[in-house]
Amino acid sequence: MSNQSGIKSSPELLQTFKQFSSDGSLRTLLISIENESLEPGSQFPVKSNYFDDMAQLSSVVKPNAPLYILHRKDEGNEFTLISYIPDAAPVRHKMLYASTRNTLMRELGSDKIASSFFTTEQDELSAEGLRKFVAHEQLSNPLSEEERALKSVMEIEAKEGLAGTTTRKSHVSSGLSFPVSDSVRDALSELEGGRENVAVLELDVSKESVELATRTTVEDPSQLSEVISTDAPRYTFFLFEHGEGAGKEKALVFIYTCPSSAKIKERMLYASCRAAVIAEAEGVSGMKVARKIEASDGSEITRASLEADLRPAPVAAKQAFARPKAPGRRR
């Protein structure tokens, strides 16, 4: 996870930070991601103290633009790294900033970053907000770099409605919408009447597009493990025939697999594009997704589990408690 997003510090940033860290008259250095690289921004002098000098940021912080803020402490040559990732920022920018924070800390030198915190609120970039963070940090157990990065990712997922089926938003405008290749459209449109009943899709991050990983036919859901990658996230659309005899039906099942080894950037991209991909599939295939499933890999998908999801067993009606009859009187 040392380089989750692939974005690195530019030579200009490393040189600027070297000069900044050795100059005790400077309080704050702004850092942003530009052209897939970490670049230096404005610098602010020491005017008052660690807390009150946050007021200098009010004129440069925007409500829709993420930003890293490196803020010098009053004692020693140590800094606080603030990751400001506002709710109004584009989802792609949020993901890049959240997944690049660890890289920035390590390239600048984790020994110089005494503390770090993540915020989505512009109001927290103030003396009062910094005091609250320091007070909270003193009360809570310290997190490792890995835990901080994952925590910020999970906070963004939760805010975007990506953390679970119960919180996921029904509209797709807040997520990413990568263009879908012609091969994907062909595979999806031919699911119902074609020979294949499985279409596995993948994201091409470099082209920012949805591509076809494979299209095939499986006789049983247990065979999905043979066609779904165990190394990277995948979207799988499976036309599942269930039931028996005259009661047989076909249902379009969407399976999102994300192995534990997936990089944070992959996890966030796939989670963010999921709603748009489902909407595209329903539009192209003309079928409604009957069931959405999340799993670590294809081996978790079985006929029994799908049947249980699509054909839940009827709940037996509770019988009223039968009070035992009173024993007859003896004469």
Protein backbone atom coordinates (compact mmCIF):
# COMPACT_ATOMS: atom_id res chain seq x y z
CA MET A 1 0.00 0.00 0.00
CA SER A 2 3.00 2.29 -0.16
CA ASN A 3 1.84 3.57 -3.52
CA GLN A 4 -1.87 2.86 -3.78
CA SER A 5 -2.80 5.31 -6.53
CA GLY A 6 0.41 5.36 -8.57
CA ILE A 7 0.77 9.11 -8.01
CA LYS A 8 4.15 10.29 -6.72
CA SER A 9 5.77 13.49 -5.54
CA SER A 10 7.33 15.60 -8.27
CA PRO A 11 11.00 16.65 -8.03
CA GLU A 12 9.71 20.23 -7.52
CA LEU A 13 7.70 19.16 -4.46
CA LEU A 14 10.60 17.26 -2.91
CA GLN A 15 12.91 20.24 -3.41
CA THR A 16 10.30 22.70 -2.13
CA PHE A 17 9.64 20.58 0.96
CA LYS A 18 13.37 20.35 1.69
CA GLN A 19 13.64 24.15 1.68
CA PHE A 20 10.33 24.60 3.51
CA SER A 21 11.18 22.17 6.32
CA SER A 22 14.52 23.86 6.97
CA ASP A 23 13.04 27.37 7.08
CA GLY A 24 11.52 27.95 10.53
CA SER A 25 9.90 31.19 9.39
CA LEU A 26 7.43 29.27 7.24
CA ARG A 27 4.28 27.76 8.76
CA THR A 28 2.23 26.12 6.00
CA LEU A 29 2.79 24.45 2.62
CA LEU A 30 -0.12 23.53 0.36
CA ILE A 31 0.17 20.43 -1.85
CA SER A 32 -2.17 19.31 -4.63
CA ILE A 33 -2.45 16.60 -7.27
CA GLU A 34 -1.93 17.99 -10.76
CA ASN A 35 -1.39 15.97 -13.94
CA GLU A 36 -1.08 12.71 -11.94
CA SER A 37 1.68 14.16 -9.75
CA LEU A 38 1.98 15.70 -6.28
CA GLU A 39 2.93 19.37 -6.74
CA PRO A 40 3.78 22.21 -4.31
CA GLY A 41 1.44 25.16 -3.90
CA SER A 42 1.33 28.32 -1.80
CA GLN A 43 3.41 28.78 1.36
CA PHE A 44 2.46 30.86 4.40
CA PRO A 45 4.74 32.40 7.05
CA VAL A 46 4.69 31.98 10.81
CA LYS A 47 2.62 34.86 12.16
CA SER A 48 1.21 33.81 15.50
CA ASN A 49 1.02 30.20 16.69
CA TYR A 50 0.24 26.69 15.49
CA PHE A 51 -3.52 27.13 15.95
CA ASP A 52 -4.16 30.76 15.02
CA ASP A 53 -2.08 30.61 11.83
CA MET A 54 -4.76 28.37 10.33
CA ALA A 55 -6.66 31.61 9.61
CA GLN A 56 -4.29 32.26 6.70
CA LEU A 57 -5.91 29.42 4.75
CA SER A 58 -9.38 30.97 4.58
CA SER A 59 -8.63 32.80 1.32
CA VAL A 60 -7.25 29.79 -0.58
CA VAL A 61 -9.34 26.81 0.53
CA LYS A 62 -12.24 26.04 -1.83
CA PRO A 63 -15.45 24.12 -1.03
CA ASN A 64 -15.03 21.71 -3.96
CA ALA A 65 -11.24 21.25 -4.33
CA PRO A 66 -9.30 18.68 -2.26
CA LEU A 67 -6.00 19.76 -0.80
CA TYR A 68 -3.15 18.56 1.38
CA ILE A 69 -2.02 21.02 4.03
CA LEU A 70 1.35 20.64 5.71
CA HIS A 71 1.27 22.71 8.91
CA ARG A 72 4.37 23.26 11.06
CA LYS A 73 4.16 22.76 14.82
CA ASP A 74 5.45 25.39 17.22
CA GLU A 75 8.12 23.16 18.75
CA GLY A 76 10.62 21.06 16.84
CA ASN A 77 10.76 20.53 13.11
CA GLU A 78 7.56 18.45 12.89
CA PHE A 79 4.37 18.87 10.89
CA THR A 80 0.70 18.02 10.84
CA LEU A 81 -0.61 16.73 7.52
CA ILE A 82 -4.23 17.69 6.92
CA SER A 83 -6.08 15.91 4.12
CA TYR A 84 -8.97 18.17 3.13
CA ILE A 85 -11.37 16.25 0.86
CA PRO A 86 -14.68 18.15 0.68
CA ASP A 87 -17.99 16.44 -0.05
CA ALA A 88 -18.59 18.70 -3.06
CA ALA A 89 -15.40 17.55 -4.84
CA PRO A 90 -15.68 15.16 -7.83
CA VAL A 91 -15.64 11.53 -6.70
CA ARG A 92 -12.52 10.73 -8.74
CA HIS A 93 -10.62 13.54 -6.99
CA LYS A 94 -11.77 12.30 -3.60
CA MET A 95 -10.50 8.81 -4.33
CA LEU A 96 -7.13 10.00 -5.62
CA TYR A 97 -6.48 12.22 -2.62
CA ALA A 98 -7.57 9.57 -0.09
CA SER A 99 -5.48 6.81 -1.68
CA THR A 100 -2.38 8.99 -2.25
CA ARG A 101 -2.03 10.31 1.31
CA ASN A 102 0.15 7.41 2.48
CA THR A 103 2.49 7.91 -0.47
CA LEU A 104 2.85 11.61 0.30
CA MET A 105 3.67 10.93 3.96
CA ARG A 106 6.29 8.35 3.13
CA GLU A 107 7.97 10.35 0.39
CA LEU A 108 8.22 13.45 2.56
CA GLY A 109 9.36 11.37 5.51
CA SER A 110 6.96 9.82 8.00
CA ASP A 111 9.33 10.76 10.82
CA LYS A 112 8.60 14.43 10.12
CA ILE A 113 4.80 13.99 10.07
CA ALA A 114 3.96 14.04 13.76
CA SER A 115 0.20 13.80 13.21
CA SER A 116 -2.36 13.75 10.44
CA PHE A 117 -6.09 14.06 10.09
CA PHE A 118 -8.76 13.85 7.45
CA THR A 119 -11.63 16.30 7.08
CA THR A 120 -14.43 17.04 4.65
CA GLU A 121 -15.47 20.28 6.35
CA GLN A 122 -14.01 23.66 5.37
CA ASP A 123 -14.96 25.02 8.80
CA GLU A 124 -12.56 22.57 10.44
CA LEU A 125 -9.61 24.29 8.74
CA SER A 126 -9.51 26.83 11.53
CA ALA A 127 -7.92 27.36 14.93
CA GLU A 128 -10.98 25.86 16.61
CA GLY A 129 -11.04 22.87 14.27
CA LEU A 130 -7.34 22.17 14.85
CA ARG A 131 -7.80 22.37 18.62
CA LYS A 132 -10.63 19.83 18.45
CA PHE A 133 -8.45 17.48 16.41
CA VAL A 134 -5.56 17.74 18.89
CA ALA A 135 -7.92 17.10 21.82
CA HIS A 136 -9.44 14.09 20.03
CA GLU A 137 -6.02 12.71 19.14
CA GLN A 138 -4.92 12.85 22.76
CA LEU A 139 -7.99 10.86 23.85
CA SER A 140 -8.01 8.21 21.11
CA ASN A 141 -5.59 5.43 20.34
CA PRO A 142 -3.10 6.39 17.61
CA LEU A 143 -3.65 4.81 14.19
CA SER A 144 -0.97 3.48 11.89
CA GLU A 145 -0.49 4.97 8.43
CA GLU A 146 -2.29 2.01 6.89
CA GLU A 147 -5.22 2.44 9.28
CA ARG A 148 -5.43 6.17 8.59
CA ALA A 149 -5.52 5.58 4.82
CA LEU A 150 -8.16 2.88 5.09
CA LYS A 151 -10.22 4.99 7.50
CA SER A 152 -10.33 7.91 5.05
CA VAL A 153 -11.29 5.56 2.22
CA MET A 154 -14.11 4.08 4.28
CA GLU A 155 -15.35 7.53 5.25
CA ILE A 156 -15.56 8.54 1.59
CA GLU A 157 -17.27 5.25 0.69
CA ALA A 158 -19.82 5.80 3.44
CA LYS A 159 -20.50 9.39 2.36
CA GLU A 160 -20.90 8.32 -1.27
CA GLY A 161 -23.21 5.46 -0.28
CA LEU A 162 -20.72 2.79 -1.33
CA ALA A 163 -20.19 0.93 1.91
CA GLY A 164 -23.11 -1.51 1.80
CA THR A 165 -26.37 -2.37 0.15
CA THR A 166 -28.44 -0.65 2.79
CA THR A 167 -26.72 2.73 2.33
CA ARG A 168 -26.06 2.65 -1.38
CA LYS A 169 -27.71 5.48 -3.34
CA SER A 170 -30.12 4.55 -6.09
CA HIS A 171 -29.05 7.26 -8.51
CA VAL A 172 -25.81 7.16 -10.47
CA SER A 173 -24.97 10.85 -10.81
CA SER A 174 -22.72 10.88 -7.75
CA GLY A 175 -20.59 7.97 -8.97
CA LEU A 176 -18.11 7.69 -11.80
CA SER A 177 -19.38 6.79 -15.23
CA PHE A 178 -16.63 5.41 -17.47
CA PRO A 179 -17.44 4.82 -21.15
CA VAL A 180 -18.43 1.25 -21.99
CA SER A 181 -16.73 -0.54 -24.87
CA ASP A 182 -18.67 -2.02 -27.80
CA SER A 183 -17.63 -5.55 -26.78
CA VAL A 184 -19.28 -5.00 -23.38
CA ARG A 185 -22.50 -3.81 -24.99
CA ASP A 186 -22.52 -6.79 -27.34
CA ALA A 187 -22.01 -9.25 -24.49
CA LEU A 188 -24.75 -7.66 -22.35
CA SER A 189 -27.28 -7.33 -25.18
CA GLU A 190 -26.82 -10.98 -26.15
CA LEU A 191 -27.11 -12.44 -22.65
CA GLU A 192 -30.80 -13.27 -22.84
CA GLY A 193 -30.92 -14.75 -26.33
CA GLY A 194 -27.28 -15.68 -26.87
CA ARG A 195 -25.28 -18.77 -26.18
CA GLU A 196 -23.30 -17.25 -23.29
CA ASN A 197 -24.89 -16.60 -19.93
CA VAL A 198 -21.93 -14.85 -18.27
CA ALA A 199 -20.27 -11.50 -18.99
CA VAL A 200 -17.33 -10.50 -16.80
CA LEU A 201 -16.33 -6.83 -16.97
CA GLU A 202 -13.21 -5.01 -15.83
CA LEU A 203 -12.11 -1.37 -15.53
CA ASP A 204 -9.20 -0.18 -17.64
CA VAL A 205 -7.88 2.50 -15.31
CA SER A 206 -5.41 3.90 -17.85
CA LYS A 207 -8.16 4.44 -20.45
CA GLU A 208 -10.88 5.06 -17.85
CA SER A 209 -13.24 2.68 -19.61
CA VAL A 210 -15.27 -0.45 -18.91
CA GLU A 211 -13.94 -3.41 -20.88
CA LEU A 212 -15.00 -7.03 -21.43
CA ALA A 213 -12.79 -9.47 -19.51
CA THR A 214 -14.58 -12.58 -20.73
CA ARG A 215 -17.91 -13.91 -21.94
CA THR A 216 -18.77 -17.55 -21.54
CA THR A 217 -21.35 -20.10 -20.45
CA VAL A 218 -21.40 -21.99 -17.18
CA GLU A 219 -23.66 -24.92 -16.40
CA ASP A 220 -23.63 -24.29 -12.67
CA PRO A 221 -22.93 -21.18 -10.54
CA SER A 222 -20.04 -23.00 -8.86
CA GLN A 223 -18.16 -22.71 -12.17
CA LEU A 224 -18.07 -18.91 -11.88
CA SER A 225 -14.93 -19.24 -9.76
CA GLU A 226 -13.16 -20.48 -12.89
CA VAL A 227 -13.87 -17.33 -14.90
CA ILE A 228 -13.79 -14.55 -12.28
CA SER A 229 -10.38 -13.15 -11.37
CA THR A 230 -9.10 -13.79 -7.86
CA ASP A 231 -6.47 -11.04 -8.11
CA ALA A 232 -8.52 -7.96 -9.00
CA PRO A 233 -12.10 -6.65 -8.65
CA ARG A 234 -14.61 -7.61 -11.34
CA TYR A 235 -18.23 -7.00 -12.31
CA THR A 236 -20.03 -10.17 -13.41
CA PHE A 237 -23.48 -10.38 -14.98
CA PHE A 238 -24.89 -13.91 -14.80
CA LEU A 239 -28.18 -15.00 -16.37
CA PHE A 240 -29.20 -17.63 -13.84
CA GLU A 241 -31.87 -20.22 -14.62
CA HIS A 242 -33.52 -21.36 -11.43
CA GLY A 243 -36.54 -23.36 -10.34
CA GLU A 244 -37.84 -26.64 -11.75
CA GLY A 245 -40.22 -27.77 -14.44
CA ALA A 246 -42.86 -25.25 -15.47
CA GLY A 247 -41.67 -22.96 -12.70
CA LYS A 248 -38.27 -22.36 -14.24
CA GLU A 249 -37.26 -18.72 -14.54
CA LYS A 250 -34.24 -16.71 -15.65
CA ALA A 251 -32.86 -13.92 -13.49
CA LEU A 252 -30.07 -11.45 -14.19
CA VAL A 253 -27.67 -11.48 -11.25
CA PHE A 254 -24.98 -8.86 -10.74
CA ILE A 255 -21.92 -10.01 -8.80
CA TYR A 256 -19.28 -7.57 -7.59
CA THR A 257 -16.15 -9.38 -6.47
CA CYS A 258 -13.34 -7.60 -4.67
CA PRO A 259 -10.49 -9.71 -3.27
CA SER A 260 -8.83 -8.60 -0.04
CA SER A 261 -5.56 -8.09 -1.94
CA ALA A 262 -7.09 -5.37 -4.16
CA LYS A 263 -5.43 -1.96 -3.98
CA ILE A 264 -7.36 0.86 -2.38
CA LYS A 265 -7.57 2.79 -5.66
CA GLU A 266 -9.03 -0.27 -7.43
CA ARG A 267 -11.51 -0.85 -4.64
CA MET A 268 -12.71 2.75 -4.75
CA LEU A 269 -12.95 2.96 -8.54
CA TYR A 270 -14.95 -0.25 -8.80
CA ALA A 271 -17.22 0.75 -5.92
CA SER A 272 -17.83 4.17 -7.47
CA CYS A 273 -18.53 2.91 -11.01
CA ARG A 274 -20.79 0.07 -9.89
CA ALA A 275 -24.13 1.89 -10.01
CA ALA A 276 -23.43 3.33 -13.48
CA VAL A 277 -22.38 -0.10 -14.82
CA ILE A 278 -25.59 -1.71 -13.51
CA ALA A 279 -27.69 1.04 -15.10
CA GLU A 280 -25.87 0.57 -18.41
CA ALA A 281 -26.36 -3.21 -18.29
CA GLU A 282 -30.08 -2.90 -17.61
CA GLY A 283 -30.48 -0.44 -20.46
CA VAL A 284 -28.51 -2.52 -22.96
CA SER A 285 -29.87 -5.95 -22.03
CA GLY A 286 -33.44 -4.84 -21.47
CA MET A 287 -33.51 -6.84 -18.24
CA LYS A 288 -33.74 -5.71 -14.64
CA VAL A 289 -31.03 -6.91 -12.29
CA ALA A 290 -32.89 -9.25 -9.94
CA ARG A 291 -30.15 -9.59 -7.35
CA LYS A 292 -26.94 -7.71 -6.45
CA ILE A 293 -24.28 -9.71 -4.67
CA GLU A 294 -20.91 -8.80 -3.20
CA ALA A 295 -18.19 -11.39 -2.61
CA SER A 296 -14.44 -11.72 -2.24
CA ASP A 297 -14.27 -14.09 -5.20
CA GLY A 298 -16.39 -16.36 -7.38
CA SER A 299 -15.98 -19.37 -5.10
CA GLU A 300 -18.52 -17.85 -2.72
CA ILE A 301 -21.29 -18.10 -5.34
CA THR A 302 -23.22 -21.39 -5.31
CA ARG A 303 -26.54 -22.59 -6.65
CA ALA A 304 -27.87 -22.97 -3.13
CA SER A 305 -26.99 -19.39 -2.20
CA LEU A 306 -28.53 -17.96 -5.38
CA GLU A 307 -31.66 -20.08 -5.02
CA ALA A 308 -32.01 -18.89 -1.43
CA ASP A 309 -31.68 -15.27 -2.54
CA LEU A 310 -34.10 -15.53 -5.45
CA ARG A 311 -36.55 -18.02 -3.96
CA PRO A 312 -36.58 -17.48 -0.20
CA ALA A 313 -38.36 -20.19 1.74
CA PRO A 314 -41.82 -19.12 2.93
CA VAL A 315 -41.99 -18.16 6.55
CA ALA A 316 -44.17 -20.59 8.42
CA ALA A 317 -47.11 -18.95 10.14
CA LYS A 318 -46.82 -18.95 13.87
CA GLN A 319 -49.41 -21.07 15.60
CA ALA A 320 -51.27 -19.58 18.49
CA PHE A 321 -50.29 -20.98 21.82
CA ALA A 322 -52.69 -23.79 22.72
CA ARG A 323 -53.56 -23.63 26.38
CA PRO A 324 -53.83 -27.12 27.81
CA LYS A 325 -57.26 -28.15 28.94
CA ALA A 326 -57.94 -28.08 32.65
CA PRO A 327 -58.20 -31.57 34.14
CA GLY A 328 -61.74 -32.73 34.78
CA ARG A 329 -63.10 -32.80 38.31
CA ARG A 330 -63.21 -36.08 40.06
CA ARG A 331 -66.44 -36.97 41.73
